[in-house]
Amino acid sequence: MTQNEKNPYIALICSHCEFFKEDDIELECAAFKILKNMLQKGMITQEEVKDAFK
């Protein structure tokens, strides 16, 4: 199982980032922290995050 499969936020947010590297999975950028927090609080939905990457 990859880290992406263990953490759905990484698969949702980070996998689209040009700076994301599977080796740096333990590092969290500010954008990831903000989006993860907003998702957890219900301020945004997963679908809204996916739409932003279109």
PDB file of N, CA and C in Angstrom:
ATOM      1  N   MET A   1       0.845  -1.178   0.000  1.00  0.00           N
ATOM      2  CA  MET A   1       0.000   0.000   0.000  1.00  0.00           C
ATOM      3  C   MET A   1       0.893   1.244   0.000  1.00  0.00           C
ATOM      4  N   THR A   2       0.636   2.171  -0.921  1.00  0.00           N
ATOM      5  CA  THR A   2       1.420   3.393  -0.982  1.00  0.00           C
ATOM      6  C   THR A   2       0.899   4.402   0.023  1.00  0.00           C
ATOM      7  N   GLN A   3       1.687   5.429   0.252  1.00  0.00           N
ATOM      8  CA  GLN A   3       1.267   6.488   1.174  1.00  0.00           C
ATOM      9  C   GLN A   3      -0.009   7.155   0.669  1.00  0.00           C
ATOM     10  N   ASN A   4      -0.150   7.303  -0.655  1.00  0.00           N
ATOM     11  CA  ASN A   4      -1.356   7.907  -1.212  1.00  0.00           C
ATOM     12  C   ASN A   4      -2.598   7.127  -0.826  1.00  0.00           C
ATOM     13  N   GLU A   5      -2.476   5.801  -0.779  1.00  0.00           N
ATOM     14  CA  GLU A   5      -3.625   4.975  -0.415  1.00  0.00           C
ATOM     15  C   GLU A   5      -3.919   5.068   1.071  1.00  0.00           C
ATOM     16  N   LYS A   6      -2.900   5.300   1.891  1.00  0.00           N
ATOM     17  CA  LYS A   6      -3.085   5.419   3.333  1.00  0.00           C
ATOM     18  C   LYS A   6      -3.692   6.762   3.707  1.00  0.00           C
ATOM     19  N   ASN A   7      -3.354   7.811   2.973  1.00  0.00           N
ATOM     20  CA  ASN A   7      -3.834   9.148   3.275  1.00  0.00           C
ATOM     21  C   ASN A   7      -4.599   9.691   2.073  1.00  0.00           C
ATOM     22  N   PRO A   8      -5.916   9.676   2.138  1.00  0.00           N
ATOM     23  CA  PRO A   8      -6.704  10.131   0.990  1.00  0.00           C
ATOM     24  C   PRO A   8      -6.501  11.608   0.669  1.00  0.00           C
ATOM     25  N   TYR A   9      -6.093  12.403   1.654  1.00  0.00           N
ATOM     26  CA  TYR A   9      -5.838  13.820   1.401  1.00  0.00           C
ATOM     27  C   TYR A   9      -4.647  14.000   0.463  1.00  0.00           C
ATOM     28  N   ILE A  10      -3.635  13.164   0.611  1.00  0.00           N
ATOM     29  CA  ILE A  10      -2.470  13.250  -0.273  1.00  0.00           C
ATOM     30  C   ILE A  10      -2.881  12.923  -1.699  1.00  0.00           C
ATOM     31  N   ALA A  11      -3.670  11.882  -1.869  1.00  0.00           N
ATOM     32  CA  ALA A  11      -4.138  11.510  -3.206  1.00  0.00           C
ATOM     33  C   ALA A  11      -4.995  12.620  -3.808  1.00  0.00           C
ATOM     34  N   LEU A  12      -5.829  13.239  -2.998  1.00  0.00           N
ATOM     35  CA  LEU A  12      -6.744  14.277  -3.474  1.00  0.00           C
ATOM     36  C   LEU A  12      -6.021  15.578  -3.790  1.00  0.00           C
ATOM     37  N   ILE A  13      -5.117  15.988  -2.923  1.00  0.00           N
ATOM     38  CA  ILE A  13      -4.501  17.308  -3.031  1.00  0.00           C
ATOM     39  C   ILE A  13      -3.122  17.260  -3.683  1.00  0.00           C
ATOM     40  N   CYS A  14      -2.236  16.477  -3.138  1.00  0.00           N
ATOM     41  CA  CYS A  14      -0.818  16.534  -3.516  1.00  0.00           C
ATOM     42  C   CYS A  14      -0.503  15.935  -4.878  1.00  0.00           C
ATOM     43  N   SER A  15      -1.216  14.911  -5.261  1.00  0.00           N
ATOM     44  CA  SER A  15      -0.864  14.214  -6.501  1.00  0.00           C
ATOM     45  C   SER A  15      -0.967  15.112  -7.733  1.00  0.00           C
ATOM     46  N   HIS A  16      -1.662  16.237  -7.633  1.00  0.00           N
ATOM     47  CA  HIS A  16      -1.801  17.172  -8.750  1.00  0.00           C
ATOM     48  C   HIS A  16      -0.709  18.238  -8.755  1.00  0.00           C
ATOM     49  N   CYS A  17       0.043  18.331  -7.687  1.00  0.00           N
ATOM     50  CA  CYS A  17       1.044  19.387  -7.531  1.00  0.00           C
ATOM     51  C   CYS A  17       2.324  19.035  -8.275  1.00  0.00           C
ATOM     52  N   GLU A  18       2.863  19.987  -9.006  1.00  0.00           N
ATOM     53  CA  GLU A  18       4.096  19.735  -9.754  1.00  0.00           C
ATOM     54  C   GLU A  18       5.306  19.571  -8.841  1.00  0.00           C
ATOM     55  N   PHE A  19       5.206  19.982  -7.589  1.00  0.00           N
ATOM     56  CA  PHE A  19       6.313  19.863  -6.645  1.00  0.00           C
ATOM     57  C   PHE A  19       6.255  18.581  -5.822  1.00  0.00           C
ATOM     58  N   PHE A  20       5.172  17.833  -5.934  1.00  0.00           N
ATOM     59  CA  PHE A  20       4.994  16.628  -5.121  1.00  0.00           C
ATOM     60  C   PHE A  20       5.916  15.510  -5.576  1.00  0.00           C
ATOM     61  N   LYS A  21       6.587  14.910  -4.598  1.00  0.00           N
ATOM     62  CA  LYS A  21       7.428  13.742  -4.846  1.00  0.00           C
ATOM     63  C   LYS A  21       7.071  12.690  -3.812  1.00  0.00           C
ATOM     64  N   GLU A  22       6.904  11.476  -4.250  1.00  0.00           N
ATOM     65  CA  GLU A  22       6.532  10.376  -3.360  1.00  0.00           C
ATOM     66  C   GLU A  22       7.537  10.225  -2.216  1.00  0.00           C
ATOM     67  N   ASP A  23       8.793  10.579  -2.471  1.00  0.00           N
ATOM     68  CA  ASP A  23       9.837  10.475  -1.444  1.00  0.00           C
ATOM     69  C   ASP A  23       9.646  11.470  -0.302  1.00  0.00           C
ATOM     70  N   ASP A  24       9.001  12.591  -0.577  1.00  0.00           N
ATOM     71  CA  ASP A  24       8.829  13.652   0.419  1.00  0.00           C
ATOM     72  C   ASP A  24       7.462  13.594   1.087  1.00  0.00           C
ATOM     73  N   ILE A  25       6.905  12.420   1.199  1.00  0.00           N
ATOM     74  CA  ILE A  25       5.539  12.234   1.676  1.00  0.00           C
ATOM     75  C   ILE A  25       5.325  12.793   3.083  1.00  0.00           C
ATOM     76  N   GLU A  26       6.365  12.828   3.903  1.00  0.00           N
ATOM     77  CA  GLU A  26       6.238  13.311   5.275  1.00  0.00           C
ATOM     78  C   GLU A  26       6.183  14.830   5.352  1.00  0.00           C
ATOM     79  N   LEU A  27       6.618  15.511   4.284  1.00  0.00           N
ATOM     80  CA  LEU A  27       6.603  16.970   4.273  1.00  0.00           C
ATOM     81  C   LEU A  27       5.222  17.457   3.862  1.00  0.00           C
ATOM     82  N   GLU A  28       4.694  18.434   4.597  1.00  0.00           N
ATOM     83  CA  GLU A  28       3.388  18.996   4.268  1.00  0.00           C
ATOM     84  C   GLU A  28       3.556  20.481   3.975  1.00  0.00           C
ATOM     85  N   CYS A  29       3.161  20.899   2.786  1.00  0.00           N
ATOM     86  CA  CYS A  29       3.233  22.316   2.453  1.00  0.00           C
ATOM     87  C   CYS A  29       2.039  23.040   3.073  1.00  0.00           C
ATOM     88  N   ALA A  30       2.106  24.355   3.069  1.00  0.00           N
ATOM     89  CA  ALA A  30       1.048  25.165   3.677  1.00  0.00           C
ATOM     90  C   ALA A  30      -0.292  24.966   2.962  1.00  0.00           C
ATOM     91  N   ALA A  31      -0.260  24.856   1.644  1.00  0.00           N
ATOM     92  CA  ALA A  31      -1.505  24.663   0.897  1.00  0.00           C
ATOM     93  C   ALA A  31      -2.183  23.360   1.302  1.00  0.00           C
ATOM     94  N   PHE A  32      -1.388  22.304   1.465  1.00  0.00           N
ATOM     95  CA  PHE A  32      -1.939  21.021   1.896  1.00  0.00           C
ATOM     96  C   PHE A  32      -2.583  21.151   3.270  1.00  0.00           C
ATOM     97  N   LYS A  33      -1.892  21.799   4.198  1.00  0.00           N
ATOM     98  CA  LYS A  33      -2.417  21.948   5.556  1.00  0.00           C
ATOM     99  C   LYS A  33      -3.722  22.737   5.567  1.00  0.00           C
ATOM    100  N   ILE A  34      -3.776  23.801   4.782  1.00  0.00           N
ATOM    101  CA  ILE A  34      -4.986  24.631   4.728  1.00  0.00           C
ATOM    102  C   ILE A  34      -6.144  23.852   4.113  1.00  0.00           C
ATOM    103  N   LEU A  35      -5.912  23.219   2.965  1.00  0.00           N
ATOM    104  CA  LEU A  35      -6.981  22.464   2.309  1.00  0.00           C
ATOM    105  C   LEU A  35      -7.454  21.295   3.165  1.00  0.00           C
ATOM    106  N   LYS A  36      -6.533  20.586   3.787  1.00  0.00           N
ATOM    107  CA  LYS A  36      -6.901  19.466   4.653  1.00  0.00           C
ATOM    108  C   LYS A  36      -7.773  19.948   5.810  1.00  0.00           C
ATOM    109  N   ASN A  37      -7.392  21.055   6.410  1.00  0.00           N
ATOM    110  CA  ASN A  37      -8.156  21.623   7.517  1.00  0.00           C
ATOM    111  C   ASN A  37      -9.556  22.032   7.052  1.00  0.00           C
ATOM    112  N   MET A  38      -9.642  22.680   5.899  1.00  0.00           N
ATOM    113  CA  MET A  38     -10.941  23.103   5.370  1.00  0.00           C
ATOM    114  C   MET A  38     -11.822  21.901   5.041  1.00  0.00           C
ATOM    115  N   LEU A  39     -11.233  20.843   4.503  1.00  0.00           N
ATOM    116  CA  LEU A  39     -11.991  19.624   4.219  1.00  0.00           C
ATOM    117  C   LEU A  39     -12.504  18.992   5.506  1.00  0.00           C
ATOM    118  N   GLN A  40     -11.650  18.911   6.512  1.00  0.00           N
ATOM    119  CA  GLN A  40     -12.036  18.299   7.784  1.00  0.00           C
ATOM    120  C   GLN A  40     -13.140  19.086   8.482  1.00  0.00           C
ATOM    121  N   LYS A  41     -13.150  20.403   8.315  1.00  0.00           N
ATOM    122  CA  LYS A  41     -14.167  21.250   8.950  1.00  0.00           C
ATOM    123  C   LYS A  41     -15.433  21.366   8.106  1.00  0.00           C
ATOM    124  N   GLY A  42     -15.418  20.794   6.916  1.00  0.00           N
ATOM    125  CA  GLY A  42     -16.591  20.842   6.052  1.00  0.00           C
ATOM    126  C   GLY A  42     -16.765  22.168   5.340  1.00  0.00           C
ATOM    127  N   MET A  43     -15.719  22.970   5.294  1.00  0.00           N
ATOM    128  CA  MET A  43     -15.791  24.271   4.637  1.00  0.00           C
ATOM    129  C   MET A  43     -15.779  24.134   3.118  1.00  0.00           C
ATOM    130  N   ILE A  44     -15.131  23.077   2.630  1.00  0.00           N
ATOM    131  CA  ILE A  44     -15.115  22.748   1.209  1.00  0.00           C
ATOM    132  C   ILE A  44     -15.317  21.244   1.076  1.00  0.00           C
ATOM    133  N   THR A  45     -15.668  20.827  -0.130  1.00  0.00           N
ATOM    134  CA  THR A  45     -15.878  19.401  -0.377  1.00  0.00           C
ATOM    135  C   THR A  45     -14.745  18.845  -1.237  1.00  0.00           C
ATOM    136  N   GLN A  46     -14.643  17.528  -1.252  1.00  0.00           N
ATOM    137  CA  GLN A  46     -13.650  16.882  -2.112  1.00  0.00           C
ATOM    138  C   GLN A  46     -13.923  17.207  -3.573  1.00  0.00           C
ATOM    139  N   GLU A  47     -15.181  17.303  -3.917  1.00  0.00           N
ATOM    140  CA  GLU A  47     -15.548  17.610  -5.298  1.00  0.00           C
ATOM    141  C   GLU A  47     -15.072  19.009  -5.688  1.00  0.00           C
ATOM    142  N   GLU A  48     -15.140  19.959  -4.777  1.00  0.00           N
ATOM    143  CA  GLU A  48     -14.658  21.314  -5.057  1.00  0.00           C
ATOM    144  C   GLU A  48     -13.145  21.333  -5.256  1.00  0.00           C
ATOM    145  N   VAL A  49     -12.436  20.528  -4.509  1.00  0.00           N
ATOM    146  CA  VAL A  49     -10.986  20.430  -4.693  1.00  0.00           C
ATOM    147  C   VAL A  49     -10.690  19.826  -6.061  1.00  0.00           C
ATOM    148  N   LYS A  50     -11.390  18.765  -6.424  1.00  0.00           N
ATOM    149  CA  LYS A  50     -11.192  18.132  -7.734  1.00  0.00           C
ATOM    150  C   LYS A  50     -11.493  19.112  -8.863  1.00  0.00           C
ATOM    151  N   ASP A  51     -12.549  19.906  -8.706  1.00  0.00           N
ATOM    152  CA  ASP A  51     -12.917  20.884  -9.731  1.00  0.00           C
ATOM    153  C   ASP A  51     -11.831  21.941  -9.924  1.00  0.00           C
ATOM    154  N   ALA A  52     -11.124  22.279  -8.867  1.00  0.00           N
ATOM    155  CA  ALA A  52     -10.066  23.288  -8.953  1.00  0.00           C
ATOM    156  C   ALA A  52      -8.908  22.824  -9.831  1.00  0.00           C
ATOM    157  N   PHE A  53      -8.732  21.528  -9.972  1.00  0.00           N
ATOM    158  CA  PHE A  53      -7.636  20.993 -10.769  1.00  0.00           C
ATOM    159  C   PHE A  53      -8.013  20.765 -12.229  1.00  0.00           C
ATOM    160  N   LYS A  54      -9.221  21.069 -12.596  1.00  0.00           N
ATOM    161  CA  LYS A  54      -9.664  20.874 -13.986  1.00  0.00           C
ATOM    162  C   LYS A  54      -9.169  22.003 -14.861  1.00  0.00           C
TER     163      LYS A  54
END
